[in-house]
Amino acid sequence: MMNMIQACAIVAQQRPADSLLVATMGSMNLLDRLDAELAGKIAAPRATRISSVPLMGGAAGLGTGLALAQPDRRVIVMDGDASLLLELGSLVSVVTAGPRNLLHVVVRNGTQFTGLANLNAPAPDFDFAAGARSAGYAHVETISEVAQWTERFPQLLAMQGPVFVELRVEPLPQRTGEGFEQAEMPDIQFVRMGLETRALQDWLAHQDA
């Protein structure tokens, strides 16, 4: 089974430069690190990323809005299992809106606050792929191996959507324990979605100029 770093690395490395990416907190933190490492090596401007924080449960809706507004660009949503459980109705909303350019990925690691406390996510046996299939996504599959994800990611992006992928991954190691002291969350985490939205607006305006 792949880990979260491997799962996010495939997206960071292979997504088209003009694609738009929405990420929940777990993927957001890893993509921050990966984008920093890849800066200057690939054309993946941060202006094409929006973090769905603190809008927990809202990633699919945000991604759907972007996909409908920008039908000529691929839109990728890196959702979390605990996040999607808060808004399961969004699966039906996505299908009702019908964005053909949307790839909706749920990173299933079975935890909340992964890499920190690793609290168990609710409904551990919930089948996200079955839920998306019942909702009516154009294509649904489950992937758990890094080699398969590496091969399938560009193929899934090229499909007519909405496409749904349940990525089954190992959680990051827990950091809490004896002597652990949690750092205060920086203020930027509470305003970055708005800042990134404005940066995306500016980037899109420049592309259309």
Protein backbone atom coordinates (compact mmCIF):
# COMPACT_ATOMS: atom_id res chain seq x y z
CA MET A 1 0.00 0.00 0.00
CA MET A 2 1.27 3.48 -0.85
CA ASN A 3 1.72 6.21 1.73
CA MET A 4 0.32 9.74 1.62
CA ILE A 5 3.59 11.29 0.51
CA GLN A 6 3.77 8.99 -2.51
CA ALA A 7 0.11 9.62 -3.36
CA CYS A 8 0.53 13.41 -3.30
CA ALA A 9 3.89 13.31 -5.07
CA ILE A 10 2.33 11.73 -8.16
CA VAL A 11 -0.16 14.58 -8.35
CA ALA A 12 2.44 17.29 -7.74
CA GLN A 13 4.80 15.88 -10.36
CA GLN A 14 2.37 14.85 -13.09
CA ARG A 15 -0.55 17.26 -13.05
CA PRO A 16 -0.73 19.59 -16.06
CA ALA A 17 0.67 23.07 -15.47
CA ASP A 18 -2.68 24.68 -16.27
CA SER A 19 -4.77 22.32 -14.14
CA LEU A 20 -6.44 23.57 -10.97
CA LEU A 21 -6.02 21.74 -7.67
CA VAL A 22 -8.12 21.84 -4.50
CA ALA A 23 -6.73 20.13 -1.40
CA THR A 24 -7.91 19.44 2.14
CA MET A 25 -5.55 19.80 5.10
CA GLY A 26 -3.64 16.50 4.97
CA SER A 27 -2.83 16.78 1.28
CA MET A 28 -2.37 20.55 1.54
CA ASN A 29 0.52 20.24 4.00
CA LEU A 30 2.27 17.59 1.91
CA LEU A 31 1.73 19.50 -1.34
CA ASP A 32 3.25 22.59 0.29
CA ARG A 33 6.44 20.60 0.87
CA LEU A 34 6.39 18.95 -2.54
CA ASP A 35 5.76 22.21 -4.39
CA ALA A 36 8.72 23.78 -2.58
CA GLU A 37 10.94 20.87 -3.61
CA LEU A 38 9.75 20.97 -7.22
CA ALA A 39 9.93 24.75 -7.62
CA GLY A 40 11.99 25.56 -10.70
CA LYS A 41 11.95 21.95 -11.89
CA ILE A 42 8.42 21.73 -13.31
CA ALA A 43 5.87 24.28 -14.42
CA ALA A 44 3.43 24.02 -11.51
CA PRO A 45 2.69 27.55 -10.30
CA ARG A 46 1.20 27.73 -6.82
CA ALA A 47 -1.41 30.15 -8.21
CA THR A 48 -3.26 27.09 -9.55
CA ARG A 49 -3.82 25.61 -6.08
CA ILE A 50 -6.56 26.40 -3.57
CA SER A 51 -6.56 24.87 -0.09
CA SER A 52 -9.97 23.97 1.28
CA VAL A 53 -9.02 25.04 4.80
CA PRO A 54 -10.82 25.74 7.11
CA LEU A 55 -13.76 24.73 4.87
CA MET A 56 -13.70 21.09 6.01
CA GLY A 57 -16.08 19.06 3.87
CA GLY A 58 -16.26 21.69 1.15
CA ALA A 59 -13.53 20.54 -1.24
CA ALA A 60 -15.82 18.75 -3.70
CA GLY A 61 -18.15 21.74 -3.95
CA LEU A 62 -15.26 24.14 -4.42
CA GLY A 63 -13.72 21.93 -7.09
CA THR A 64 -17.05 21.57 -8.89
CA GLY A 65 -17.47 25.34 -9.03
CA LEU A 66 -13.99 25.76 -10.49
CA ALA A 67 -14.59 22.98 -13.02
CA LEU A 68 -17.83 24.57 -14.23
CA ALA A 69 -16.24 28.03 -14.42
CA GLN A 70 -13.15 26.73 -16.26
CA PRO A 71 -14.43 23.89 -18.49
CA ASP A 72 -11.26 23.86 -20.62
CA ARG A 73 -9.00 23.13 -17.64
CA ARG A 74 -8.66 19.92 -15.64
CA VAL A 75 -9.67 20.29 -12.01
CA ILE A 76 -8.36 17.90 -9.36
CA VAL A 77 -9.81 17.62 -5.87
CA MET A 78 -7.60 15.95 -3.25
CA ASP A 79 -10.26 15.24 -0.63
CA GLY A 80 -9.83 13.52 2.74
CA ASP A 81 -11.93 10.65 4.04
CA ALA A 82 -12.89 12.41 7.28
CA SER A 83 -13.58 15.59 5.29
CA LEU A 84 -15.80 13.90 2.71
CA LEU A 85 -17.77 12.12 5.44
CA LEU A 86 -18.93 15.56 6.62
CA GLU A 87 -20.53 16.28 3.24
CA LEU A 88 -21.46 12.97 1.63
CA GLY A 89 -24.27 14.75 -0.15
CA SER A 90 -21.61 16.50 -2.22
CA LEU A 91 -21.22 13.27 -4.23
CA VAL A 92 -24.75 13.73 -5.56
CA SER A 93 -24.20 17.47 -6.00
CA VAL A 94 -21.11 16.82 -8.15
CA VAL A 95 -22.99 14.39 -10.39
CA THR A 96 -25.98 16.72 -10.67
CA ALA A 97 -23.69 19.55 -11.80
CA GLY A 98 -21.90 17.14 -14.17
CA PRO A 99 -18.45 18.72 -14.61
CA ARG A 100 -16.73 16.69 -17.33
CA ASN A 101 -13.28 18.02 -16.38
CA LEU A 102 -13.31 17.01 -12.69
CA LEU A 103 -11.16 14.32 -11.07
CA HIS A 104 -12.32 13.81 -7.47
CA VAL A 105 -9.77 11.90 -5.36
CA VAL A 106 -10.45 10.89 -1.77
CA VAL A 107 -7.26 10.05 0.12
CA ARG A 108 -8.43 7.33 2.48
CA ASN A 109 -6.01 6.90 5.38
CA GLY A 110 -8.57 6.07 8.06
CA THR A 111 -7.52 8.90 10.36
CA GLN A 112 -8.30 12.47 11.35
CA PHE A 113 -5.42 14.85 12.12
CA THR A 114 -3.18 12.39 10.33
CA GLY A 115 0.49 12.74 11.18
CA LEU A 116 -0.40 14.46 14.44
CA ALA A 117 -2.80 12.50 16.66
CA ASN A 118 -4.05 10.04 14.02
CA LEU A 119 -7.52 9.84 15.56
CA ASN A 120 -9.62 7.14 13.91
CA ALA A 121 -11.95 8.49 11.23
CA PRO A 122 -15.63 7.65 11.76
CA ALA A 123 -17.35 4.91 9.75
CA PRO A 124 -14.14 2.92 9.10
CA ASP A 125 -15.91 0.48 6.78
CA PHE A 126 -17.63 3.08 4.62
CA ASP A 127 -17.08 2.35 0.91
CA PHE A 128 -16.44 5.71 -0.75
CA ALA A 129 -16.12 4.18 -4.21
CA ALA A 130 -19.51 2.48 -3.84
CA GLY A 131 -21.02 5.78 -2.72
CA ALA A 132 -19.63 7.62 -5.73
CA ARG A 133 -20.79 4.84 -8.03
CA SER A 134 -24.31 4.99 -6.60
CA ALA A 135 -24.32 8.78 -6.95
CA GLY A 136 -23.62 8.37 -10.67
CA TYR A 137 -19.99 9.40 -11.30
CA ALA A 138 -18.95 8.66 -14.88
CA HIS A 139 -16.05 6.49 -13.74
CA VAL A 140 -15.08 5.13 -10.31
CA GLU A 141 -12.12 3.05 -9.14
CA THR A 142 -10.07 2.18 -6.09
CA ILE A 143 -6.25 2.29 -6.09
CA SER A 144 -3.84 1.27 -3.33
CA GLU A 145 -0.48 0.73 -5.03
CA VAL A 146 1.91 3.51 -6.08
CA ALA A 147 2.79 1.89 -9.43
CA GLN A 148 -0.89 1.69 -10.38
CA TRP A 149 -1.52 5.30 -9.28
CA THR A 150 1.49 6.49 -11.28
CA GLU A 151 0.14 4.80 -14.40
CA ARG A 152 -3.52 5.61 -13.93
CA PHE A 153 -3.34 9.27 -12.85
CA PRO A 154 -2.80 10.77 -16.35
CA GLN A 155 -5.30 8.32 -17.84
CA LEU A 156 -7.95 9.25 -15.28
CA LEU A 157 -7.32 12.95 -15.92
CA ALA A 158 -7.98 12.40 -19.61
CA MET A 159 -11.36 10.74 -19.02
CA GLN A 160 -14.69 12.49 -19.33
CA GLY A 161 -15.85 13.10 -15.81
CA PRO A 162 -16.81 13.47 -13.18
CA VAL A 163 -14.29 10.77 -12.25
CA PHE A 164 -13.87 9.46 -8.70
CA VAL A 165 -10.86 7.66 -7.23
CA GLU A 166 -10.58 6.21 -3.74
CA LEU A 167 -6.87 6.16 -2.89
CA ARG A 168 -6.21 3.75 -0.04
CA VAL A 169 -3.05 4.90 1.70
CA GLU A 170 -1.17 4.39 4.94
CA PRO A 171 -1.40 7.27 7.43
CA LEU A 172 1.69 9.26 8.32
CA PRO A 173 3.37 8.27 11.61
CA GLN A 174 1.77 9.78 14.70
CA ARG A 175 3.77 12.63 16.25
CA THR A 176 1.97 13.11 19.54
CA GLY A 177 3.33 11.40 22.63
CA GLU A 178 5.25 12.03 25.81
CA GLY A 179 7.05 15.38 25.63
CA PHE A 180 5.24 16.48 22.45
CA GLU A 181 4.27 20.14 22.32
CA GLN A 182 1.90 21.31 19.61
CA ALA A 183 2.99 24.47 17.83
CA GLU A 184 0.37 27.18 17.47
CA MET A 185 -1.28 27.12 14.06
CA PRO A 186 -0.06 30.12 12.05
CA ASP A 187 -2.59 32.80 11.16
CA ILE A 188 -1.98 32.17 7.46
CA GLN A 189 -3.88 28.89 7.73
CA PHE A 190 -7.08 30.80 8.44
CA VAL A 191 -6.78 33.22 5.52
CA ARG A 192 -4.84 31.31 2.89
CA MET A 193 -7.92 30.08 1.03
CA GLY A 194 -8.92 33.68 0.37
CA LEU A 195 -5.36 34.65 -0.58
CA GLU A 196 -5.06 31.69 -2.93
CA THR A 197 -8.44 32.48 -4.50
CA ARG A 198 -7.27 36.00 -5.33
CA ALA A 199 -3.97 34.66 -6.67
CA LEU A 200 -5.89 32.24 -8.90
CA GLN A 201 -8.11 35.06 -10.18
CA ASP A 202 -5.03 37.08 -11.08
CA TRP A 203 -3.40 34.06 -12.76
CA LEU A 204 -6.52 33.30 -14.81
CA ALA A 205 -6.84 36.95 -15.85
CA HIS A 206 -3.22 36.87 -17.05
CA GLN A 207 -3.82 33.63 -18.98
CA ASP A 208 -6.84 35.13 -20.76
CA ALA A 209 -5.15 38.46 -21.51
